């Protein structure tokens, strides 16, 4: 017998008419059947993924030390460093070694690419995202995903326990969590 559980989150399938209903609905929107007795998805199905998101920390994700550029450096240099090091984002540090911004591939594409821009004359300060959101190594993966989602970021720098600045990307988080997604 069908449990009434859909593969889509927050959807229940009516066992009588097969209509999709929002989870928590007492009656089927099509045939009126009682849905209160349907077996709800158990916490065990996705508990490991949820647990990793809630209790996993940035320190659990394998990421490299962030690479830095200066605000006065030309954008062309930032592009070269990104290609050379294989990084999609760089932290921007001032002369006192304080992080004052980040510059990403997206910043370059959206703010600097084009025929009317000289990547040697344009500085990192002209296109960087100033005063970036920073995380700590003990922040959870859920916090990182939330910050990325709310802010529209793909990269966020964080400082680990020994003071090393690292850059975590949405791709790093998903790659880490992928092993905990249940496979049917």
N, C-alpha and C. Protein backbone atom coordinates (compact mmCIF):
# COMPACT_ATOMS: atom_id res chain seq x y z
N UNK A 1 0.84 -1.18 0.00
CA UNK A 1 0.00 0.00 0.00
C UNK A 1 0.88 1.24 0.00
N UNK A 2 0.45 2.26 -0.73
CA UNK A 2 1.18 3.51 -0.83
C UNK A 2 1.12 4.24 0.50
N UNK A 3 2.25 4.75 0.95
CA UNK A 3 2.30 5.45 2.23
C UNK A 3 1.77 6.87 2.12
N UNK A 4 1.56 7.35 0.90
CA UNK A 4 1.10 8.71 0.71
C UNK A 4 2.23 9.72 0.74
N UNK A 5 3.45 9.25 0.76
CA UNK A 5 4.60 10.13 0.81
C UNK A 5 5.11 10.34 -0.61
N UNK A 6 5.30 11.59 -0.98
CA UNK A 6 5.82 11.95 -2.28
C UNK A 6 7.33 12.05 -2.20
N UNK A 7 7.98 11.98 -3.35
CA UNK A 7 9.42 12.22 -3.39
C UNK A 7 9.71 13.71 -3.29
N UNK A 8 8.69 14.56 -3.51
CA UNK A 8 8.86 15.98 -3.36
C UNK A 8 8.66 16.34 -1.89
N UNK A 9 9.48 17.28 -1.38
CA UNK A 9 9.31 17.67 0.02
C UNK A 9 7.99 18.40 0.22
N UNK A 10 7.39 18.21 1.40
CA UNK A 10 6.17 18.91 1.80
C UNK A 10 4.95 18.58 0.94
N UNK A 11 4.94 17.41 0.29
CA UNK A 11 3.80 17.00 -0.53
C UNK A 11 3.35 15.62 -0.10
N UNK A 12 2.05 15.46 0.06
CA UNK A 12 1.44 14.16 0.35
C UNK A 12 0.58 13.76 -0.83
N UNK A 13 0.62 12.49 -1.19
CA UNK A 13 -0.19 11.96 -2.28
C UNK A 13 -1.41 11.28 -1.68
N UNK A 14 -2.59 11.68 -2.15
CA UNK A 14 -3.82 11.06 -1.67
C UNK A 14 -3.85 9.61 -2.16
N UNK A 15 -4.06 8.64 -1.26
CA UNK A 15 -4.08 7.24 -1.68
C UNK A 15 -5.33 6.90 -2.51
N UNK A 16 -6.37 7.72 -2.45
CA UNK A 16 -7.59 7.44 -3.19
C UNK A 16 -7.56 7.98 -4.62
N UNK A 17 -7.18 9.25 -4.77
CA UNK A 17 -7.23 9.86 -6.11
C UNK A 17 -5.86 10.24 -6.66
N UNK A 18 -4.80 10.05 -5.89
CA UNK A 18 -3.41 10.32 -6.28
C UNK A 18 -3.11 11.81 -6.45
N UNK A 19 -3.96 12.69 -5.93
CA UNK A 19 -3.71 14.13 -6.01
C UNK A 19 -2.62 14.53 -5.03
N UNK A 20 -1.83 15.54 -5.42
CA UNK A 20 -0.80 16.06 -4.54
C UNK A 20 -1.42 17.07 -3.58
N UNK A 21 -1.10 16.93 -2.31
CA UNK A 21 -1.60 17.81 -1.27
C UNK A 21 -0.44 18.34 -0.45
N UNK A 22 -0.58 19.52 0.09
CA UNK A 22 0.45 20.10 0.94
C UNK A 22 0.51 19.32 2.25
N UNK A 23 1.72 18.99 2.68
CA UNK A 23 1.88 18.27 3.93
C UNK A 23 1.23 19.04 5.07
N UNK A 24 0.50 18.33 5.92
CA UNK A 24 -0.20 18.96 7.02
C UNK A 24 -1.69 19.18 6.74
N UNK A 25 -2.09 19.02 5.48
CA UNK A 25 -3.49 19.16 5.12
C UNK A 25 -4.27 17.98 5.67
N UNK A 26 -5.44 18.26 6.24
CA UNK A 26 -6.26 17.18 6.83
C UNK A 26 -7.07 16.43 5.78
N UNK A 27 -7.50 17.13 4.71
CA UNK A 27 -8.34 16.50 3.69
C UNK A 27 -7.73 16.74 2.32
N UNK A 28 -7.94 15.77 1.43
CA UNK A 28 -7.47 15.89 0.05
C UNK A 28 -8.24 17.03 -0.62
N UNK A 29 -7.51 17.86 -1.35
CA UNK A 29 -8.14 19.01 -2.00
C UNK A 29 -9.00 18.59 -3.19
N UNK A 30 -8.80 17.37 -3.71
CA UNK A 30 -9.57 16.91 -4.86
C UNK A 30 -10.77 16.06 -4.44
N UNK A 31 -10.54 15.01 -3.64
CA UNK A 31 -11.63 14.07 -3.33
C UNK A 31 -12.15 14.16 -1.91
N UNK A 32 -11.46 14.92 -1.06
CA UNK A 32 -11.93 15.09 0.31
C UNK A 32 -11.56 13.97 1.26
N UNK A 33 -10.75 13.02 0.83
CA UNK A 33 -10.36 11.90 1.69
C UNK A 33 -9.59 12.41 2.91
N UNK A 34 -9.70 11.68 4.01
CA UNK A 34 -9.00 12.02 5.24
C UNK A 34 -7.52 11.69 5.08
N UNK A 35 -6.66 12.69 5.23
CA UNK A 35 -5.22 12.50 5.08
C UNK A 35 -4.50 12.47 6.42
N UNK A 36 -5.24 12.64 7.52
CA UNK A 36 -4.61 12.70 8.84
C UNK A 36 -3.97 11.38 9.25
N UNK A 37 -4.40 10.28 8.66
CA UNK A 37 -3.87 8.97 9.06
C UNK A 37 -2.70 8.51 8.19
N UNK A 38 -2.36 9.31 7.19
CA UNK A 38 -1.25 8.90 6.32
C UNK A 38 0.04 8.86 7.10
N UNK A 39 0.87 7.94 6.72
CA UNK A 39 2.19 7.83 7.33
C UNK A 39 3.04 9.00 6.85
N UNK A 40 3.50 9.79 7.77
CA UNK A 40 4.35 10.94 7.46
C UNK A 40 5.78 10.45 7.24
N UNK A 41 6.56 11.22 6.48
CA UNK A 41 7.95 10.82 6.32
C UNK A 41 8.63 10.75 7.67
N UNK A 42 9.39 9.71 7.87
CA UNK A 42 10.06 9.56 9.16
C UNK A 42 11.31 10.41 9.20
N UNK A 43 11.69 10.79 10.39
CA UNK A 43 12.87 11.62 10.57
C UNK A 43 14.13 10.87 10.15
N UNK A 44 14.09 9.54 10.22
CA UNK A 44 15.29 8.76 9.89
C UNK A 44 15.69 8.89 8.43
N UNK A 45 14.73 9.14 7.54
CA UNK A 45 15.03 9.20 6.11
C UNK A 45 16.07 10.26 5.79
N UNK A 46 15.94 11.41 6.38
CA UNK A 46 16.87 12.48 6.05
C UNK A 46 17.59 13.01 7.29
N UNK A 47 17.52 12.25 8.36
CA UNK A 47 18.08 12.76 9.60
C UNK A 47 19.59 12.96 9.53
N UNK A 48 20.28 12.10 8.80
CA UNK A 48 21.74 12.26 8.74
C UNK A 48 22.10 13.55 8.01
N UNK A 49 21.43 13.85 6.91
CA UNK A 49 21.68 15.09 6.19
C UNK A 49 21.34 16.30 7.06
N UNK A 50 20.17 16.26 7.68
CA UNK A 50 19.77 17.37 8.56
C UNK A 50 20.75 17.51 9.72
N UNK A 51 21.14 16.39 10.29
CA UNK A 51 22.07 16.42 11.41
C UNK A 51 23.40 17.05 10.98
N UNK A 52 23.88 16.69 9.80
CA UNK A 52 25.15 17.25 9.31
C UNK A 52 25.04 18.75 9.05
N UNK A 53 23.89 19.18 8.56
CA UNK A 53 23.70 20.61 8.31
C UNK A 53 23.64 21.39 9.62
N UNK A 54 22.98 20.81 10.61
CA UNK A 54 22.78 21.51 11.88
C UNK A 54 23.99 21.42 12.79
N UNK A 55 24.62 20.26 12.81
CA UNK A 55 25.74 20.09 13.74
C UNK A 55 27.11 20.12 13.07
N UNK A 56 27.15 19.99 11.74
CA UNK A 56 28.42 20.07 11.03
C UNK A 56 28.93 21.51 11.03
N UNK A 57 30.22 21.66 11.11
CA UNK A 57 30.82 22.99 11.17
C UNK A 57 31.69 23.24 9.95
N UNK A 58 32.00 24.49 9.73
CA UNK A 58 32.85 24.85 8.60
C UNK A 58 34.19 24.14 8.67
N UNK A 59 34.65 23.88 9.89
CA UNK A 59 35.93 23.19 10.05
C UNK A 59 35.88 21.76 9.51
N UNK A 60 34.67 21.21 9.31
CA UNK A 60 34.52 19.86 8.77
C UNK A 60 34.70 19.80 7.26
N UNK A 61 34.63 20.95 6.60
CA UNK A 61 34.69 21.02 5.14
C UNK A 61 36.14 21.28 4.72
N UNK A 62 36.60 20.49 3.78
CA UNK A 62 37.97 20.65 3.29
C UNK A 62 38.05 21.84 2.34
N UNK A 63 38.63 22.93 2.82
CA UNK A 63 38.85 24.11 1.98
C UNK A 63 40.27 24.61 2.23
N UNK A 64 40.80 25.27 1.22
CA UNK A 64 42.16 25.77 1.31
C UNK A 64 42.21 27.16 1.93
N UNK A 65 43.40 27.56 2.29
CA UNK A 65 43.61 28.91 2.79
C UNK A 65 43.25 29.92 1.70
N UNK A 66 42.62 31.01 2.10
CA UNK A 66 42.23 32.04 1.15
C UNK A 66 43.46 32.75 0.60
N UNK A 67 43.38 33.14 -0.64
CA UNK A 67 44.44 33.89 -1.29
C UNK A 67 44.04 35.36 -1.25
N UNK A 68 45.02 36.23 -1.03
CA UNK A 68 44.73 37.66 -0.85
C UNK A 68 45.30 38.50 -1.98
N UNK A 69 44.62 39.62 -2.21
CA UNK A 69 45.11 40.69 -3.07
C UNK A 69 44.91 41.99 -2.32
N UNK A 70 45.55 43.04 -2.81
CA UNK A 70 45.43 44.37 -2.19
C UNK A 70 44.39 45.19 -2.95
N UNK A 71 43.77 46.15 -2.29
CA UNK A 71 42.74 46.95 -2.95
C UNK A 71 43.26 47.75 -4.15
N UNK A 72 44.52 48.11 -4.12
CA UNK A 72 45.10 48.88 -5.22
C UNK A 72 45.60 48.04 -6.38
N UNK A 73 45.58 46.71 -6.22
CA UNK A 73 46.03 45.84 -7.30
C UNK A 73 45.09 45.94 -8.49
N UNK A 74 45.65 45.83 -9.70
CA UNK A 74 44.78 45.85 -10.88
C UNK A 74 43.91 44.59 -10.94
N UNK A 75 42.73 44.73 -11.50
CA UNK A 75 41.83 43.59 -11.65
C UNK A 75 42.51 42.50 -12.48
N UNK A 76 43.34 42.90 -13.45
CA UNK A 76 44.06 41.91 -14.26
C UNK A 76 44.90 40.99 -13.39
N UNK A 77 45.51 41.53 -12.33
CA UNK A 77 46.29 40.71 -11.42
C UNK A 77 45.38 39.74 -10.67
N UNK A 78 44.23 40.22 -10.21
CA UNK A 78 43.29 39.34 -9.51
C UNK A 78 42.85 38.18 -10.42
N UNK A 79 42.58 38.48 -11.67
CA UNK A 79 42.21 37.43 -12.63
C UNK A 79 43.35 36.43 -12.77
N UNK A 80 44.57 36.93 -12.89
CA UNK A 80 45.74 36.05 -13.01
C UNK A 80 45.89 35.17 -11.77
N UNK A 81 45.75 35.75 -10.59
CA UNK A 81 45.89 34.98 -9.34
C UNK A 81 44.80 33.91 -9.26
N UNK A 82 43.57 34.27 -9.62
CA UNK A 82 42.48 33.28 -9.60
C UNK A 82 42.78 32.11 -10.52
N UNK A 83 43.25 32.40 -11.71
CA UNK A 83 43.57 31.33 -12.67
C UNK A 83 44.74 30.49 -12.17
N UNK A 84 45.79 31.16 -11.69
CA UNK A 84 47.00 30.47 -11.23
C UNK A 84 46.72 29.56 -10.04
N UNK A 85 45.94 30.06 -9.08
CA UNK A 85 45.68 29.31 -7.84
C UNK A 85 44.43 28.44 -7.92
N UNK A 86 43.61 28.63 -8.95
CA UNK A 86 42.39 27.84 -9.08
C UNK A 86 41.32 28.24 -8.07
N UNK A 87 41.27 29.51 -7.71
CA UNK A 87 40.29 30.02 -6.74
C UNK A 87 39.27 30.89 -7.46
N UNK A 88 38.03 30.81 -7.05
CA UNK A 88 36.97 31.63 -7.64
C UNK A 88 36.73 32.89 -6.83
N UNK A 89 37.39 33.02 -5.69
CA UNK A 89 37.24 34.21 -4.87
C UNK A 89 38.51 34.50 -4.11
N UNK A 90 38.79 35.77 -3.90
CA UNK A 90 39.98 36.21 -3.18
C UNK A 90 39.58 37.19 -2.09
N UNK A 91 40.29 37.16 -0.98
CA UNK A 91 40.06 38.18 0.04
C UNK A 91 40.92 39.40 -0.31
N UNK A 92 40.41 40.57 0.06
CA UNK A 92 41.12 41.82 -0.18
C UNK A 92 41.57 42.34 1.17
N UNK A 93 42.89 42.53 1.31
CA UNK A 93 43.46 42.99 2.58
C UNK A 93 44.14 44.33 2.38
N UNK A 94 43.99 45.19 3.40
CA UNK A 94 44.67 46.48 3.35
C UNK A 94 46.10 46.32 3.85
N UNK A 95 46.81 47.44 3.96
CA UNK A 95 48.22 47.38 4.36
C UNK A 95 48.43 46.86 5.77
N UNK A 96 47.41 46.91 6.63
CA UNK A 96 47.53 46.37 7.99
C UNK A 96 47.08 44.91 8.06
N UNK A 97 46.85 44.28 6.90
CA UNK A 97 46.47 42.87 6.78
C UNK A 97 45.02 42.61 7.23
N UNK A 98 44.23 43.67 7.33
CA UNK A 98 42.82 43.53 7.69
C UNK A 98 42.01 43.23 6.44
N UNK A 99 41.07 42.30 6.55
CA UNK A 99 40.21 41.98 5.41
C UNK A 99 39.21 43.11 5.24
N UNK A 100 39.23 43.74 4.07
CA UNK A 100 38.33 44.86 3.80
C UNK A 100 37.32 44.54 2.69
N UNK A 101 37.48 43.37 2.07
CA UNK A 101 36.56 43.01 1.00
C UNK A 101 36.88 41.65 0.43
N UNK A 102 36.04 41.25 -0.52
CA UNK A 102 36.33 40.06 -1.32
C UNK A 102 36.05 40.40 -2.77
N UNK A 103 36.73 39.71 -3.63
CA UNK A 103 36.49 39.85 -5.07
C UNK A 103 36.34 38.44 -5.63
N UNK A 104 35.31 38.24 -6.42
CA UNK A 104 35.01 36.92 -6.97
C UNK A 104 34.93 36.98 -8.49
N UNK A 105 34.88 35.81 -9.09
CA UNK A 105 34.71 35.73 -10.55
C UNK A 105 33.46 36.51 -10.97
N UNK A 106 32.42 36.39 -10.17
CA UNK A 106 31.17 37.07 -10.50
C UNK A 106 31.35 38.60 -10.47
N UNK A 107 32.09 39.11 -9.49
CA UNK A 107 32.37 40.55 -9.45
C UNK A 107 33.07 40.98 -10.73
N UNK A 108 34.03 40.19 -11.17
CA UNK A 108 34.78 40.53 -12.38
C UNK A 108 33.87 40.51 -13.60
N UNK A 109 33.06 39.47 -13.71
CA UNK A 109 32.16 39.37 -14.87
C UNK A 109 31.12 40.47 -14.88
N UNK A 110 30.54 40.78 -13.72
CA UNK A 110 29.45 41.73 -13.67
C UNK A 110 29.91 43.19 -13.61
N UNK A 111 31.09 43.45 -13.07
CA UNK A 111 31.52 44.83 -12.86
C UNK A 111 32.71 45.27 -13.71
N UNK A 112 33.46 44.32 -14.24
CA UNK A 112 34.70 44.70 -14.92
C UNK A 112 34.80 44.20 -16.35
N UNK A 113 34.10 43.15 -16.69
CA UNK A 113 34.24 42.59 -18.04
C UNK A 113 33.53 43.49 -19.04
N UNK A 114 34.10 43.60 -20.21
CA UNK A 114 33.50 44.40 -21.27
C UNK A 114 34.53 45.22 -22.00
N UNK A 115 34.14 45.65 -23.17
CA UNK A 115 35.07 46.37 -24.03
C UNK A 115 35.48 47.72 -23.45
N UNK A 116 34.63 48.33 -22.64
CA UNK A 116 34.93 49.66 -22.13
C UNK A 116 35.72 49.66 -20.81
N UNK A 117 36.18 48.51 -20.36
CA UNK A 117 36.94 48.43 -19.11
C UNK A 117 38.36 47.93 -19.39
N UNK A 118 39.32 48.63 -18.82
CA UNK A 118 40.72 48.23 -18.90
C UNK A 118 41.06 47.52 -17.59
N UNK A 119 41.27 46.21 -17.64
CA UNK A 119 41.50 45.43 -16.43
C UNK A 119 42.83 45.74 -15.76
N UNK A 120 43.70 46.45 -16.44
CA UNK A 120 44.96 46.88 -15.83
C UNK A 120 44.75 48.21 -15.10
N UNK A 121 43.91 49.08 -15.64
CA UNK A 121 43.66 50.39 -15.02
C UNK A 121 42.64 50.29 -13.89
N UNK A 122 41.72 49.35 -13.97
CA UNK A 122 40.69 49.17 -12.95
C UNK A 122 41.30 48.45 -11.76
N UNK A 123 41.03 48.95 -10.54
CA UNK A 123 41.61 48.31 -9.35
C UNK A 123 40.62 47.36 -8.70
N UNK A 124 41.14 46.49 -7.89
CA UNK A 124 40.32 45.55 -7.12
C UNK A 124 39.31 46.32 -6.27
N UNK A 125 39.73 47.44 -5.69
CA UNK A 125 38.83 48.26 -4.85
C UNK A 125 37.62 48.76 -5.64
N UNK A 126 37.77 48.93 -6.95
CA UNK A 126 36.68 49.42 -7.78
C UNK A 126 35.55 48.39 -7.93
N UNK A 127 35.88 47.11 -7.79
CA UNK A 127 34.86 46.08 -8.05
C UNK A 127 34.60 45.13 -6.89
N UNK A 128 35.41 45.22 -5.85
CA UNK A 128 35.27 44.28 -4.73
C UNK A 128 33.95 44.50 -3.98
N UNK A 129 33.56 43.48 -3.24
CA UNK A 129 32.45 43.61 -2.29
C UNK A 129 33.09 44.02 -0.98
N UNK A 130 32.84 45.27 -0.53
CA UNK A 130 33.48 45.73 0.69
C UNK A 130 32.84 45.14 1.94
N UNK A 131 33.60 45.14 3.02
CA UNK A 131 33.11 44.72 4.33
C UNK A 131 32.33 43.41 4.26
N UNK A 132 32.98 42.34 3.84
CA UNK A 132 32.26 41.08 3.62
C UNK A 132 31.74 40.44 4.90
N UNK A 133 30.69 39.67 4.76
CA UNK A 133 30.22 38.83 5.86
C UNK A 133 31.32 37.84 6.16
N UNK A 134 31.63 37.67 7.42
CA UNK A 134 32.66 36.72 7.84
C UNK A 134 32.03 35.66 8.73
N UNK A 135 32.54 34.47 8.64
CA UNK A 135 32.09 33.37 9.49
C UNK A 135 33.26 32.89 10.33
N UNK A 136 32.94 32.01 11.28
CA UNK A 136 33.97 31.37 12.11
C UNK A 136 33.94 29.87 11.85
N UNK A 137 35.03 29.20 12.11
CA UNK A 137 35.10 27.77 11.84
C UNK A 137 34.08 26.97 12.64
N UNK A 138 33.60 27.50 13.76
CA UNK A 138 32.62 26.77 14.55
C UNK A 138 31.18 27.10 14.15
N UNK A 139 30.99 27.95 13.13
CA UNK A 139 29.64 28.16 12.59
C UNK A 139 29.20 26.88 11.87
N UNK A 140 27.91 26.61 11.95
CA UNK A 140 27.39 25.39 11.33
C UNK A 140 27.22 25.58 9.82
N UNK A 141 27.09 24.46 9.13
CA UNK A 141 26.84 24.50 7.69
C UNK A 141 25.51 25.17 7.40
N UNK A 142 24.53 24.97 8.28
CA UNK A 142 23.23 25.61 8.11
C UNK A 142 23.37 27.13 8.18
N UNK A 143 24.19 27.63 9.09
CA UNK A 143 24.42 29.08 9.19
C UNK A 143 25.08 29.59 7.92
N UNK A 144 26.06 28.86 7.42
CA UNK A 144 26.75 29.28 6.19
C UNK A 144 25.77 29.31 5.01
N UNK A 145 24.96 28.28 4.87
CA UNK A 145 23.99 28.23 3.78
C UNK A 145 22.97 29.36 3.91
N UNK A 146 22.55 29.63 5.13
CA UNK A 146 21.60 30.71 5.37
C UNK A 146 22.20 32.06 4.97
N UNK A 147 23.41 32.32 5.42
CA UNK A 147 24.08 33.58 5.09
C UNK A 147 24.25 33.73 3.58
N UNK A 148 24.63 32.65 2.93
CA UNK A 148 24.81 32.68 1.47
C UNK A 148 23.48 32.95 0.77
N UNK A 149 22.45 32.28 1.23
CA UNK A 149 21.13 32.43 0.61
C UNK A 149 20.58 33.83 0.81
N UNK A 150 20.59 34.31 2.02
CA UNK A 150 20.04 35.63 2.33
C UNK A 150 20.84 36.73 1.64
N UNK A 151 22.15 36.60 1.65
CA UNK A 151 23.00 37.64 1.08
C UNK A 151 23.24 37.52 -0.41
N UNK A 152 22.86 36.38 -1.00
CA UNK A 152 23.13 36.16 -2.42
C UNK A 152 24.60 35.93 -2.70
N UNK A 153 25.30 35.35 -1.72
CA UNK A 153 26.74 35.10 -1.86
C UNK A 153 26.98 33.67 -2.32
N UNK A 154 28.09 33.49 -3.00
CA UNK A 154 28.55 32.15 -3.35
C UNK A 154 29.83 31.81 -2.59
N UNK A 155 30.45 32.82 -2.02
CA UNK A 155 31.70 32.65 -1.27
C UNK A 155 31.65 33.50 0.00
N UNK A 156 32.13 32.91 1.10
CA UNK A 156 32.23 33.65 2.35
C UNK A 156 33.55 33.27 3.02
N UNK A 157 34.34 34.26 3.42
CA UNK A 157 35.56 33.95 4.16
C UNK A 157 35.24 33.58 5.61
N UNK A 158 36.08 32.73 6.17
CA UNK A 158 35.98 32.41 7.60
C UNK A 158 37.37 32.23 8.17
N UNK A 159 37.46 32.39 9.46
CA UNK A 159 38.74 32.27 10.15
C UNK A 159 38.72 30.99 10.97
N UNK A 160 39.76 30.16 10.79
CA UNK A 160 39.81 28.92 11.57
C UNK A 160 40.51 29.17 12.90
N UNK A 161 40.62 28.12 13.69
CA UNK A 161 41.13 28.23 15.05
C UNK A 161 42.52 28.81 15.18
N UNK A 162 43.37 28.60 14.19
CA UNK A 162 44.74 29.13 14.29
C UNK A 162 44.88 30.51 13.63
N UNK A 163 43.74 31.12 13.25
CA UNK A 163 43.77 32.46 12.68
C UNK A 163 43.91 32.50 11.17
N UNK A 164 43.95 31.34 10.53
CA UNK A 164 44.07 31.28 9.09
C UNK A 164 42.73 31.63 8.45
N UNK A 165 42.76 32.51 7.46
CA UNK A 165 41.55 32.86 6.73
C UNK A 165 41.36 31.87 5.59
N UNK A 166 40.16 31.33 5.52
CA UNK A 166 39.80 30.41 4.44
C UNK A 166 38.58 30.96 3.73
N UNK A 167 38.33 30.49 2.53
CA UNK A 167 37.17 30.93 1.76
C UNK A 167 36.34 29.69 1.46
N UNK A 168 35.08 29.70 1.89
CA UNK A 168 34.20 28.57 1.62
C UNK A 168 33.19 28.99 0.56
N UNK A 169 32.89 28.08 -0.34
CA UNK A 169 31.92 28.37 -1.39
C UNK A 169 30.69 27.49 -1.21
N UNK A 170 29.63 27.87 -1.84
CA UNK A 170 28.41 27.07 -1.82
C UNK A 170 28.71 25.69 -2.39
N UNK A 171 29.57 25.64 -3.38
CA UNK A 171 29.96 24.36 -3.99
C UNK A 171 30.69 23.48 -2.98
N UNK A 172 31.55 24.07 -2.17
CA UNK A 172 32.25 23.31 -1.13
C UNK A 172 31.26 22.69 -0.14
N UNK A 173 30.27 23.47 0.27
CA UNK A 173 29.28 22.99 1.23
C UNK A 173 28.47 21.85 0.63
N UNK A 174 27.98 22.04 -0.60
CA UNK A 174 27.17 20.99 -1.23
C UNK A 174 27.99 19.73 -1.51
N UNK A 175 29.23 19.91 -1.92
CA UNK A 175 30.09 18.75 -2.16
C UNK A 175 30.27 17.95 -0.86
N UNK A 176 30.43 18.66 0.26
CA UNK A 176 30.58 18.02 1.56
C UNK A 176 29.30 17.29 1.97
N UNK A 177 28.15 17.94 1.78
CA UNK A 177 26.87 17.36 2.21
C UNK A 177 26.36 16.27 1.28
N UNK A 178 26.83 16.21 0.06
CA UNK A 178 26.32 15.25 -0.93
C UNK A 178 26.42 13.81 -0.45
N UNK A 179 27.43 13.49 0.30
CA UNK A 179 27.60 12.11 0.77
C UNK A 179 26.55 11.69 1.79
N UNK A 180 25.81 12.67 2.34
CA UNK A 180 24.79 12.38 3.34
C UNK A 180 23.37 12.39 2.77
N UNK A 181 23.26 12.63 1.49
CA UNK A 181 21.93 12.61 0.85
C UNK A 181 21.55 11.15 0.63
N UNK A 182 20.38 10.76 1.15
CA UNK A 182 19.99 9.35 0.98
C UNK A 182 19.74 9.02 -0.48
N UNK A 183 20.24 7.87 -0.88
CA UNK A 183 20.05 7.40 -2.26
C UNK A 183 18.99 6.32 -2.25
N UNK A 184 18.03 6.45 -3.16
CA UNK A 184 16.94 5.47 -3.22
C UNK A 184 17.34 4.30 -4.09
